[in-house]
PDB file of N, CA and C in Angstrom:
ATOM      1  N   ASN A   1     154.184 102.033 136.703  1.00  0.00           N
ATOM      2  CA  ASN A   1     153.841 103.199 137.480  1.00  0.00           C
ATOM      3  C   ASN A   1     155.078 103.911 138.008  1.00  0.00           C
ATOM      4  N   LYS A   2     156.045 103.168 138.543  1.00  0.00           N
ATOM      5  CA  LYS A   2     157.267 103.805 139.033  1.00  0.00           C
ATOM      6  C   LYS A   2     158.106 104.340 137.885  1.00  0.00           C
ATOM      7  N   LYS A   3     158.097 103.637 136.767  1.00  0.00           N
ATOM      8  CA  LYS A   3     158.844 104.114 135.599  1.00  0.00           C
ATOM      9  C   LYS A   3     158.224 105.401 135.068  1.00  0.00           C
ATOM     10  N   MET A   4     156.897 105.451 134.974  1.00  0.00           N
ATOM     11  CA  MET A   4     156.211 106.660 134.524  1.00  0.00           C
ATOM     12  C   MET A   4     156.495 107.819 135.479  1.00  0.00           C
ATOM     13  N   ALA A   5     156.449 107.553 136.768  1.00  0.00           N
ATOM     14  CA  ALA A   5     156.725 108.592 137.752  1.00  0.00           C
ATOM     15  C   ALA A   5     158.148 109.128 137.597  1.00  0.00           C
ATOM     16  N   LYS A   6     159.077 108.246 137.336  1.00  0.00           N
ATOM     17  CA  LYS A   6     160.462 108.685 137.143  1.00  0.00           C
ATOM     18  C   LYS A   6     160.579 109.582 135.914  1.00  0.00           C
ATOM     19  N   LEU A   7     159.893 109.218 134.829  1.00  0.00           N
ATOM     20  CA  LEU A   7     159.910 110.037 133.611  1.00  0.00           C
ATOM     21  C   LEU A   7     159.317 111.421 133.841  1.00  0.00           C
ATOM     22  N   LEU A   8     158.403 111.523 134.812  1.00  0.00           N
ATOM     23  CA  LEU A   8     157.741 112.794 135.109  1.00  0.00           C
ATOM     24  C   LEU A   8     158.372 113.516 136.303  1.00  0.00           C
ATOM     25  N   ASP A   9     159.553 113.081 136.707  1.00  0.00           N
ATOM     26  CA  ASP A   9     160.293 113.702 137.812  1.00  0.00           C
ATOM     27  C   ASP A   9     159.504 113.755 139.119  1.00  0.00           C
ATOM     28  N   VAL A  10     158.720 112.722 139.388  1.00  0.00           N
ATOM     29  CA  VAL A  10     158.026 112.631 140.668  1.00  0.00           C
ATOM     30  C   VAL A  10     159.064 112.268 141.720  1.00  0.00           C
ATOM     31  N   THR A  11     159.157 113.069 142.777  1.00  0.00           N
ATOM     32  CA  THR A  11     160.172 112.827 143.800  1.00  0.00           C
ATOM     33  C   THR A  11     159.645 111.981 144.953  1.00  0.00           C
ATOM     34  N   ASP A  12     158.326 111.918 145.134  1.00  0.00           N
ATOM     35  CA  ASP A  12     157.744 111.100 146.197  1.00  0.00           C
ATOM     36  C   ASP A  12     157.856 109.619 145.840  1.00  0.00           C
ATOM     37  N   VAL A  13     157.803 108.787 146.848  1.00  0.00           N
ATOM     38  CA  VAL A  13     157.786 107.339 146.631  1.00  0.00           C
ATOM     39  C   VAL A  13     156.395 106.975 146.118  1.00  0.00           C
ATOM     40  N   VAL A  14     156.333 106.328 144.968  1.00  0.00           N
ATOM     41  CA  VAL A  14     155.059 105.938 144.362  1.00  0.00           C
ATOM     42  C   VAL A  14     154.692 104.548 144.863  1.00  0.00           C
ATOM     43  N   ILE A  15     153.507 104.472 145.482  1.00  0.00           N
ATOM     44  CA  ILE A  15     153.030 103.187 145.981  1.00  0.00           C
ATOM     45  C   ILE A  15     151.666 102.899 145.376  1.00  0.00           C
ATOM     46  N   SER A  16     151.309 101.645 145.338  1.00  0.00           N
ATOM     47  CA  SER A  16     150.055 101.240 144.722  1.00  0.00           C
ATOM     48  C   SER A  16     148.859 101.802 145.484  1.00  0.00           C
ATOM     49  N   PRO A  17     147.888 102.353 144.753  1.00  0.00           N
ATOM     50  CA  PRO A  17     146.685 102.883 145.402  1.00  0.00           C
ATOM     51  C   PRO A  17     145.577 101.840 145.544  1.00  0.00           C
ATOM     52  N   THR A  18     145.933 100.579 145.683  1.00  0.00           N
ATOM     53  CA  THR A  18     144.946  99.496 145.706  1.00  0.00           C
ATOM     54  C   THR A  18     143.849  99.737 146.737  1.00  0.00           C
ATOM     55  N   TYR A  19     144.187 100.208 147.909  1.00  0.00           N
ATOM     56  CA  TYR A  19     143.185 100.372 148.959  1.00  0.00           C
ATOM     57  C   TYR A  19     142.564 101.770 148.976  1.00  0.00           C
ATOM     58  N   THR A  20     143.239 102.754 148.392  1.00  0.00           N
ATOM     59  CA  THR A  20     142.698 104.116 148.361  1.00  0.00           C
ATOM     60  C   THR A  20     142.102 104.457 147.005  1.00  0.00           C
ATOM     61  N   LEU A  21     142.303 103.624 146.033  1.00  0.00           N
ATOM     62  CA  LEU A  21     141.861 103.762 144.636  1.00  0.00           C
ATOM     63  C   LEU A  21     142.657 104.797 143.855  1.00  0.00           C
ATOM     64  N   CYS A  22     143.007 105.948 144.457  1.00  0.00           N
ATOM     65  CA  CYS A  22     143.717 106.987 143.700  1.00  0.00           C
ATOM     66  C   CYS A  22     144.730 107.691 144.601  1.00  0.00           C
ATOM     67  N   ARG A  23     145.911 107.885 144.071  1.00  0.00           N
ATOM     68  CA  ARG A  23     146.947 108.682 144.740  1.00  0.00           C
ATOM     69  C   ARG A  23     147.391 109.761 143.769  1.00  0.00           C
ATOM     70  N   GLU A  24     147.723 110.913 144.315  1.00  0.00           N
ATOM     71  CA  GLU A  24     148.162 112.032 143.473  1.00  0.00           C
ATOM     72  C   GLU A  24     149.552 112.483 143.904  1.00  0.00           C
ATOM     73  N   TYR A  25     150.369 112.794 142.900  1.00  0.00           N
ATOM     74  CA  TYR A  25     151.730 113.246 143.119  1.00  0.00           C
ATOM     75  C   TYR A  25     151.980 114.501 142.288  1.00  0.00           C
ATOM     76  N   LYS A  26     152.975 115.285 142.684  1.00  0.00           N
ATOM     77  CA  LYS A  26     153.406 116.422 141.876  1.00  0.00           C
ATOM     78  C   LYS A  26     154.406 115.908 140.858  1.00  0.00           C
ATOM     79  N   ALA A  27     154.182 116.270 139.602  1.00  0.00           N
ATOM     80  CA  ALA A  27     155.063 115.836 138.523  1.00  0.00           C
ATOM     81  C   ALA A  27     155.499 117.060 137.720  1.00  0.00           C
ATOM     82  N   ASN A  28     156.473 116.850 136.851  1.00  0.00           N
ATOM     83  CA  ASN A  28     156.937 117.914 135.963  1.00  0.00           C
ATOM     84  C   ASN A  28     156.923 117.400 134.541  1.00  0.00           C
ATOM     85  N   PHE A  29     156.322 118.182 133.671  1.00  0.00           N
ATOM     86  CA  PHE A  29     156.280 117.844 132.257  1.00  0.00           C
ATOM     87  C   PHE A  29     156.531 119.120 131.471  1.00  0.00           C
ATOM     88  N   GLN A  30     157.535 119.096 130.635  1.00  0.00           N
ATOM     89  CA  GLN A  30     157.931 120.252 129.836  1.00  0.00           C
ATOM     90  C   GLN A  30     158.100 121.492 130.714  1.00  0.00           C
ATOM     91  N   ASN A  31     158.812 121.310 131.828  1.00  0.00           N
ATOM     92  CA  ASN A  31     159.126 122.375 132.786  1.00  0.00           C
ATOM     93  C   ASN A  31     157.903 122.994 133.455  1.00  0.00           C
ATOM     94  N   LYS A  32     156.799 122.267 133.502  1.00  0.00           N
ATOM     95  CA  LYS A  32     155.594 122.728 134.191  1.00  0.00           C
ATOM     96  C   LYS A  32     155.203 121.700 135.232  1.00  0.00           C
ATOM     97  N   GLU A  33     154.770 122.190 136.405  1.00  0.00           N
ATOM     98  CA  GLU A  33     154.293 121.270 137.431  1.00  0.00           C
ATOM     99  C   GLU A  33     152.856 120.868 137.096  1.00  0.00           C
ATOM    100  N   ILE A  34     152.629 119.581 137.053  1.00  0.00           N
ATOM    101  CA  ILE A  34     151.302 119.039 136.768  1.00  0.00           C
ATOM    102  C   ILE A  34     151.014 117.900 137.737  1.00  0.00           C
ATOM    103  N   PRO A  35     149.741 117.556 137.927  1.00  0.00           N
ATOM    104  CA  PRO A  35     149.448 116.398 138.770  1.00  0.00           C
ATOM    105  C   PRO A  35     149.627 115.091 138.009  1.00  0.00           C
ATOM    106  N   PHE A  36     150.175 114.115 138.700  1.00  0.00           N
ATOM    107  CA  PHE A  36     150.257 112.743 138.205  1.00  0.00           C
ATOM    108  C   PHE A  36     149.343 111.932 139.117  1.00  0.00           C
ATOM    109  N   ARG A  37     148.265 111.409 138.548  1.00  0.00           N
ATOM    110  CA  ARG A  37     147.289 110.655 139.331  1.00  0.00           C
ATOM    111  C   ARG A  37     147.371 109.181 138.952  1.00  0.00           C
ATOM    112  N   HIS A  38     147.457 108.357 139.962  1.00  0.00           N
ATOM    113  CA  HIS A  38     147.615 106.920 139.767  1.00  0.00           C
ATOM    114  C   HIS A  38     146.389 106.238 140.369  1.00  0.00           C
ATOM    115  N   ILE A  39     145.622 105.556 139.524  1.00  0.00           N
ATOM    116  CA  ILE A  39     144.384 104.901 139.935  1.00  0.00           C
ATOM    117  C   ILE A  39     144.542 103.392 139.773  1.00  0.00           C
ATOM    118  N   ASP A  40     144.029 102.659 140.745  1.00  0.00           N
ATOM    119  CA  ASP A  40     144.000 101.203 140.655  1.00  0.00           C
ATOM    120  C   ASP A  40     142.551 100.766 140.820  1.00  0.00           C
ATOM    121  N   THR A  41     141.963 100.220 139.765  1.00  0.00           N
ATOM    122  CA  THR A  41     140.544  99.838 139.790  1.00  0.00           C
ATOM    123  C   THR A  41     140.338  98.377 140.173  1.00  0.00           C
ATOM    124  N   TYR A  42     141.396  97.701 140.584  1.00  0.00           N
ATOM    125  CA  TYR A  42     141.309  96.271 140.875  1.00  0.00           C
ATOM    126  C   TYR A  42     140.180  95.942 141.848  1.00  0.00           C
ATOM    127  N   ARG A  43     139.976  96.757 142.861  1.00  0.00           N
ATOM    128  CA  ARG A  43     138.968  96.479 143.877  1.00  0.00           C
ATOM    129  C   ARG A  43     137.583  97.041 143.530  1.00  0.00           C
ATOM    130  N   MET A  44     137.433  97.673 142.393  1.00  0.00           N
ATOM    131  CA  MET A  44     136.119  98.182 141.983  1.00  0.00           C
ATOM    132  C   MET A  44     135.263  97.031 141.456  1.00  0.00           C
ATOM    133  N   PHE A  45     134.010  97.030 141.873  1.00  0.00           N
ATOM    134  CA  PHE A  45     133.081  96.004 141.403  1.00  0.00           C
ATOM    135  C   PHE A  45     132.358  96.444 140.134  1.00  0.00           C
ATOM    136  N   GLU A  46     132.108  97.764 140.009  1.00  0.00           N
ATOM    137  CA  GLU A  46     131.401  98.303 138.848  1.00  0.00           C
ATOM    138  C   GLU A  46     132.124  99.536 138.331  1.00  0.00           C
ATOM    139  N   ALA A  47     132.071  99.745 137.023  1.00  0.00           N
ATOM    140  CA  ALA A  47     132.755 100.869 136.387  1.00  0.00           C
ATOM    141  C   ALA A  47     132.302 102.212 136.946  1.00  0.00           C
ATOM    142  N   GLU A  48     131.053 102.309 137.345  1.00  0.00           N
ATOM    143  CA  GLU A  48     130.505 103.573 137.837  1.00  0.00           C
ATOM    144  C   GLU A  48     131.159 104.038 139.136  1.00  0.00           C
ATOM    145  N   GLU A  49     131.876 103.166 139.795  1.00  0.00           N
ATOM    146  CA  GLU A  49     132.568 103.557 141.023  1.00  0.00           C
ATOM    147  C   GLU A  49     133.636 104.616 140.759  1.00  0.00           C
ATOM    148  N   ILE A  50     134.073 104.740 139.520  1.00  0.00           N
ATOM    149  CA  ILE A  50     135.040 105.781 139.153  1.00  0.00           C
ATOM    150  C   ILE A  50     134.442 107.174 139.392  1.00  0.00           C
ATOM    151  N   GLU A  51     133.126 107.279 139.367  1.00  0.00           N
ATOM    152  CA  GLU A  51     132.435 108.547 139.608  1.00  0.00           C
ATOM    153  C   GLU A  51     132.742 109.090 141.003  1.00  0.00           C
ATOM    154  N   ASP A  52     133.037 108.224 141.959  1.00  0.00           N
ATOM    155  CA  ASP A  52     133.372 108.655 143.320  1.00  0.00           C
ATOM    156  C   ASP A  52     134.674 109.438 143.373  1.00  0.00           C
ATOM    157  N   LEU A  53     135.479 109.337 142.337  1.00  0.00           N
ATOM    158  CA  LEU A  53     136.778 110.021 142.298  1.00  0.00           C
ATOM    159  C   LEU A  53     136.701 111.391 141.619  1.00  0.00           C
ATOM    160  N   ARG A  54     135.489 111.893 141.368  1.00  0.00           N
ATOM    161  CA  ARG A  54     135.262 113.193 140.718  1.00  0.00           C
ATOM    162  C   ARG A  54     136.025 113.276 139.388  1.00  0.00           C
ATOM    163  N   PRO A  55     135.596 112.488 138.401  1.00  0.00           N
ATOM    164  CA  PRO A  55     136.330 112.366 137.140  1.00  0.00           C
ATOM    165  C   PRO A  55     136.482 113.671 136.347  1.00  0.00           C
ATOM    166  N   THR A  56     135.561 114.607 136.490  1.00  0.00           N
ATOM    167  CA  THR A  56     135.715 115.874 135.768  1.00  0.00           C
ATOM    168  C   THR A  56     136.993 116.575 136.218  1.00  0.00           C
ATOM    169  N   GLU A  57     137.248 116.574 137.506  1.00  0.00           N
ATOM    170  CA  GLU A  57     138.481 117.157 138.043  1.00  0.00           C
ATOM    171  C   GLU A  57     139.671 116.238 137.792  1.00  0.00           C
ATOM    172  N   LEU A  58     139.442 114.969 137.954  1.00  0.00           N
ATOM    173  CA  LEU A  58     140.486 113.967 137.822  1.00  0.00           C
ATOM    174  C   LEU A  58     141.175 114.022 136.455  1.00  0.00           C
ATOM    175  N   PHE A  59     140.373 114.156 135.398  1.00  0.00           N
ATOM    176  CA  PHE A  59     140.910 114.135 134.038  1.00  0.00           C
ATOM    177  C   PHE A  59     141.106 115.522 133.437  1.00  0.00           C
ATOM    178  N   ALA A  60     141.000 116.572 134.254  1.00  0.00           N
ATOM    179  CA  ALA A  60     141.179 117.937 133.753  1.00  0.00           C
ATOM    180  C   ALA A  60     142.624 118.147 133.301  1.00  0.00           C
ATOM    181  N   ALA A  61     142.776 118.804 132.179  1.00  0.00           N
ATOM    182  CA  ALA A  61     144.106 119.093 131.639  1.00  0.00           C
ATOM    183  C   ALA A  61     144.691 120.304 132.353  1.00  0.00           C
ATOM    184  N   PRO A  62     145.969 120.415 132.468  1.00  0.00           N
ATOM    185  CA  PRO A  62     146.959 119.399 132.097  1.00  0.00           C
ATOM    186  C   PRO A  62     147.189 118.446 133.266  1.00  0.00           C
ATOM    187  N   SER A  63     147.237 117.187 132.979  1.00  0.00           N
ATOM    188  CA  SER A  63     147.537 116.184 133.990  1.00  0.00           C
ATOM    189  C   SER A  63     147.905 114.879 133.305  1.00  0.00           C
ATOM    190  N   VAL A  64     148.485 113.996 134.082  1.00  0.00           N
ATOM    191  CA  VAL A  64     148.760 112.640 133.621  1.00  0.00           C
ATOM    192  C   VAL A  64     148.007 111.722 134.575  1.00  0.00           C
ATOM    193  N   VAL A  65     147.179 110.859 134.004  1.00  0.00           N
ATOM    194  CA  VAL A  65     146.413 109.911 134.810  1.00  0.00           C
ATOM    195  C   VAL A  65     146.762 108.504 134.337  1.00  0.00           C
ATOM    196  N   MET A  66     147.205 107.688 135.266  1.00  0.00           N
ATOM    197  CA  MET A  66     147.517 106.311 134.937  1.00  0.00           C
ATOM    198  C   MET A  66     146.511 105.421 135.652  1.00  0.00           C
ATOM    199  N   ILE A  67     145.843 104.541 134.890  1.00  0.00           N
ATOM    200  CA  ILE A  67     144.818 103.672 135.455  1.00  0.00           C
ATOM    201  C   ILE A  67     145.228 102.217 135.279  1.00  0.00           C
ATOM    202  N   GLU A  68     145.397 101.535 136.393  1.00  0.00           N
ATOM    203  CA  GLU A  68     145.645 100.099 136.334  1.00  0.00           C
ATOM    204  C   GLU A  68     144.299  99.405 136.203  1.00  0.00           C
ATOM    205  N   TRP A  69     144.261  98.348 135.410  1.00  0.00           N
ATOM    206  CA  TRP A  69     143.031  97.607 135.133  1.00  0.00           C
ATOM    207  C   TRP A  69     142.000  98.535 134.472  1.00  0.00           C
ATOM    208  N   ALA A  70     142.457  99.369 133.560  1.00  0.00           N
ATOM    209  CA  ALA A  70     141.600 100.371 132.929  1.00  0.00           C
ATOM    210  C   ALA A  70     140.435  99.775 132.156  1.00  0.00           C
ATOM    211  N   ASN A  71     140.594  98.564 131.669  1.00  0.00           N
ATOM    212  CA  ASN A  71     139.499  97.945 130.921  1.00  0.00           C
ATOM    213  C   ASN A  71     138.222  97.845 131.753  1.00  0.00           C
ATOM    214  N   LYS A  72     138.345  97.818 133.072  1.00  0.00           N
ATOM    215  CA  LYS A  72     137.176  97.727 133.947  1.00  0.00           C
ATOM    216  C   LYS A  72     136.339  99.003 133.933  1.00  0.00           C
ATOM    217  N   VAL A  73     136.966 100.151 133.651  1.00  0.00           N
ATOM    218  CA  VAL A  73     136.256 101.439 133.735  1.00  0.00           C
ATOM    219  C   VAL A  73     136.265 102.214 132.420  1.00  0.00           C
ATOM    220  N   TRP A  74     136.854 101.648 131.388  1.00  0.00           N
ATOM    221  CA  TRP A  74     137.066 102.375 130.145  1.00  0.00           C
ATOM    222  C   TRP A  74     135.791 102.982 129.577  1.00  0.00           C
ATOM    223  N   SER A  75     134.704 102.248 129.541  1.00  0.00           N
ATOM    224  CA  SER A  75     133.466 102.775 128.954  1.00  0.00           C
ATOM    225  C   SER A  75     132.950 103.985 129.732  1.00  0.00           C
ATOM    226  N   THR A  76     133.142 104.013 131.017  1.00  0.00           N
ATOM    227  CA  THR A  76     132.700 105.142 131.842  1.00  0.00           C
ATOM    228  C   THR A  76     133.664 106.318 131.713  1.00  0.00           C
ATOM    229  N   VAL A  77     134.938 106.049 131.653  1.00  0.00           N
ATOM    230  CA  VAL A  77     135.966 107.090 131.614  1.00  0.00           C
ATOM    231  C   VAL A  77     135.958 107.872 130.299  1.00  0.00           C
ATOM    232  N   GLN A  78     135.643 107.227 129.201  1.00  0.00           N
ATOM    233  CA  GLN A  78     135.739 107.862 127.878  1.00  0.00           C
ATOM    234  C   GLN A  78     135.014 109.194 127.789  1.00  0.00           C
ATOM    235  N   LYS A  79     133.874 109.326 128.427  1.00  0.00           N
ATOM    236  CA  LYS A  79     133.101 110.567 128.316  1.00  0.00           C
ATOM    237  C   LYS A  79     133.793 111.759 128.976  1.00  0.00           C
ATOM    238  N   TYR A  80     134.816 111.513 129.784  1.00  0.00           N
ATOM    239  CA  TYR A  80     135.542 112.590 130.452  1.00  0.00           C
ATOM    240  C   TYR A  80     136.821 112.987 129.717  1.00  0.00           C
ATOM    241  N   LEU A  81     137.100 112.313 128.625  1.00  0.00           N
ATOM    242  CA  LEU A  81     138.348 112.563 127.898  1.00  0.00           C
ATOM    243  C   LEU A  81     138.076 113.378 126.646  1.00  0.00           C
ATOM    244  N   SER A  82     138.430 114.630 126.693  1.00  0.00           N
ATOM    245  CA  SER A  82     138.352 115.446 125.488  1.00  0.00           C
ATOM    246  C   SER A  82     139.718 116.091 125.297  1.00  0.00           C
ATOM    247  N   ASP A  83     140.161 116.117 124.071  1.00  0.00           N
ATOM    248  CA  ASP A  83     141.477 116.655 123.743  1.00  0.00           C
ATOM    249  C   ASP A  83     142.559 115.977 124.598  1.00  0.00           C
ATOM    250  N   ALA A  84     142.522 114.665 124.633  1.00  0.00           N
ATOM    251  CA  ALA A  84     143.462 113.889 125.438  1.00  0.00           C
ATOM    252  C   ALA A  84     144.284 112.963 124.550  1.00  0.00           C
ATOM    253  N   VAL A  85     145.426 112.587 125.071  1.00  0.00           N
ATOM    254  CA  VAL A  85     146.225 111.549 124.453  1.00  0.00           C
ATOM    255  C   VAL A  85     146.137 110.346 125.388  1.00  0.00           C
ATOM    256  N   VAL A  86     145.675 109.237 124.863  1.00  0.00           N
ATOM    257  CA  VAL A  86     145.499 108.031 125.664  1.00  0.00           C
ATOM    258  C   VAL A  86     146.526 107.004 125.224  1.00  0.00           C
ATOM    259  N   VAL A  87     147.279 106.500 126.177  1.00  0.00           N
ATOM    260  CA  VAL A  87     148.251 105.452 125.910  1.00  0.00           C
ATOM    261  C   VAL A  87     147.781 104.216 126.670  1.00  0.00           C
ATOM    262  N   LYS A  88     147.383 103.204 125.918  1.00  0.00           N
ATOM    263  CA  LYS A  88     146.970 101.943 126.537  1.00  0.00           C
ATOM    264  C   LYS A  88     148.165 101.015 126.535  1.00  0.00           C
ATOM    265  N   VAL A  89     148.529 100.558 127.724  1.00  0.00           N
ATOM    266  CA  VAL A  89     149.667  99.659 127.875  1.00  0.00           C
ATOM    267  C   VAL A  89     149.150  98.335 128.422  1.00  0.00           C
ATOM    268  N   SER A  90     149.557  97.261 127.779  1.00  0.00           N
ATOM    269  CA  SER A  90     149.230  95.940 128.303  1.00  0.00           C
ATOM    270  C   SER A  90     150.529  95.184 128.517  1.00  0.00           C
ATOM    271  N   ILE A  91     150.562  94.439 129.601  1.00  0.00           N
ATOM    272  CA  ILE A  91     151.756  93.672 129.953  1.00  0.00           C
ATOM    273  C   ILE A  91     151.426  92.197 129.813  1.00  0.00           C
ATOM    274  N   VAL A  92     152.229  91.517 129.029  1.00  0.00           N
ATOM    275  CA  VAL A  92     152.027  90.092 128.781  1.00  0.00           C
ATOM    276  C   VAL A  92     153.181  89.329 129.422  1.00  0.00           C
ATOM    277  N   GLN A  93     152.844  88.373 130.285  1.00  0.00           N
ATOM    278  CA  GLN A  93     153.865  87.544 130.922  1.00  0.00           C
ATOM    279  C   GLN A  93     154.388  86.555 129.891  1.00  0.00           C
ATOM    280  N   MET A  94     155.669  86.621 129.564  1.00  0.00           N
ATOM    281  CA  MET A  94     156.271  85.777 128.537  1.00  0.00           C
ATOM    282  C   MET A  94     156.926  84.530 129.142  1.00  0.00           C
ATOM    283  N   GLY A  95     157.328  84.629 130.360  1.00  0.00           N
ATOM    284  CA  GLY A  95     157.984  83.528 131.060  1.00  0.00           C
ATOM    285  C   GLY A  95     158.051  83.885 132.526  1.00  0.00           C
ATOM    286  N   GLU A  96     158.769  83.091 133.262  1.00  0.00           N
ATOM    287  CA  GLU A  96     158.834  83.324 134.709  1.00  0.00           C
ATOM    288  C   GLU A  96     159.399  84.696 135.061  1.00  0.00           C
ATOM    289  N   ASN A  97     160.414  85.131 134.331  1.00  0.00           N
ATOM    290  CA  ASN A  97     161.071  86.410 134.623  1.00  0.00           C
ATOM    291  C   ASN A  97     161.041  87.376 133.448  1.00  0.00           C
ATOM    292  N   GLU A  98     160.155  87.163 132.525  1.00  0.00           N
ATOM    293  CA  GLU A  98     160.138  87.996 131.319  1.00  0.00           C
ATOM    294  C   GLU A  98     158.721  88.477 131.028  1.00  0.00           C
ATOM    295  N   ARG A  99     158.617  89.783 130.742  1.00  0.00           N
ATOM    296  CA  ARG A  99     157.335  90.373 130.373  1.00  0.00           C
ATOM    297  C   ARG A  99     157.515  91.191 129.100  1.00  0.00           C
ATOM    298  N   GLU A 100     156.440  91.302 128.360  1.00  0.00           N
ATOM    299  CA  GLU A 100     156.446  92.125 127.158  1.00  0.00           C
ATOM    300  C   GLU A 100     155.396  93.218 127.330  1.00  0.00           C
ATOM    301  N   MET A 101     155.782  94.448 127.024  1.00  0.00           N
ATOM    302  CA  MET A 101     154.840  95.561 127.103  1.00  0.00           C
ATOM    303  C   MET A 101     154.397  95.930 125.701  1.00  0.00           C
ATOM    304  N   LYS A 102     153.093  96.035 125.522  1.00  0.00           N
ATOM    305  CA  LYS A 102     152.529  96.479 124.255  1.00  0.00           C
ATOM    306  C   LYS A 102     151.754  97.753 124.533  1.00  0.00           C
ATOM    307  N   TYR A 103     151.770  98.670 123.573  1.00  0.00           N
ATOM    308  CA  TYR A 103     151.035  99.907 123.791  1.00  0.00           C
ATOM    309  C   TYR A 103     150.409 100.405 122.494  1.00  0.00           C
ATOM    310  N   ALA A 104     149.348 101.189 122.692  1.00  0.00           N
ATOM    311  CA  ALA A 104     148.657 101.828 121.570  1.00  0.00           C
ATOM    312  C   ALA A 104     148.369 103.264 122.002  1.00  0.00           C
ATOM    313  N   ILE A 105     148.618 104.202 121.095  1.00  0.00           N
ATOM    314  CA  ILE A 105     148.414 105.623 121.405  1.00  0.00           C
ATOM    315  C   ILE A 105     147.262 106.134 120.564  1.00  0.00           C
ATOM    316  N   THR A 106     146.315 106.801 121.235  1.00  0.00           N
ATOM    317  CA  THR A 106     145.133 107.348 120.556  1.00  0.00           C
ATOM    318  C   THR A 106     144.987 108.809 120.952  1.00  0.00           C
ATOM    319  N   LYS A 107     144.710 109.662 120.008  1.00  0.00           N
ATOM    320  CA  LYS A 107     144.435 111.087 120.265  1.00  0.00           C
ATOM    321  C   LYS A 107     142.936 111.276 120.219  1.00  0.00           C
ATOM    322  N   ILE A 108     142.370 111.770 121.313  1.00  0.00           N
ATOM    323  CA  ILE A 108     140.928 112.026 121.372  1.00  0.00           C
ATOM    324  C   ILE A 108     140.728 113.530 121.225  1.00  0.00           C
ATOM    325  N   LYS A 109     139.942 113.915 120.270  1.00  0.00           N
ATOM    326  CA  LYS A 109     139.699 115.342 120.003  1.00  0.00           C
ATOM    327  C   LYS A 109     138.210 115.550 119.863  1.00  0.00           C
ATOM    328  N   GLU A 110     137.683 116.510 120.599  1.00  0.00           N
ATOM    329  CA  GLU A 110     136.246 116.834 120.472  1.00  0.00           C
ATOM    330  C   GLU A 110     136.077 118.235 119.975  1.00  0.00           C
TER     331      GLU A 110
END
């Protein structure tokens, strides 16, 4: 999350939205100001709780939305993604001080 924010020139301190579920920051992408939204679904009990975050607005282009624990809400979120690029990142703990990041990029077009 902090690395992504740095890539998007977010100047605010990025903190985990564990208790608020979603935090929004001003970001820059290709010399345009866009919202960078950071969601943490760890405390959600059901995928439908994402509806409380107004997903139509949340996923409106242009924006960057990063979801931690996305597998918990993926089936609900998919219907809000049209003409989006989705990057799924998984982090695998390799040892005490070593992690491996794996990612898959999918283009969704309707």
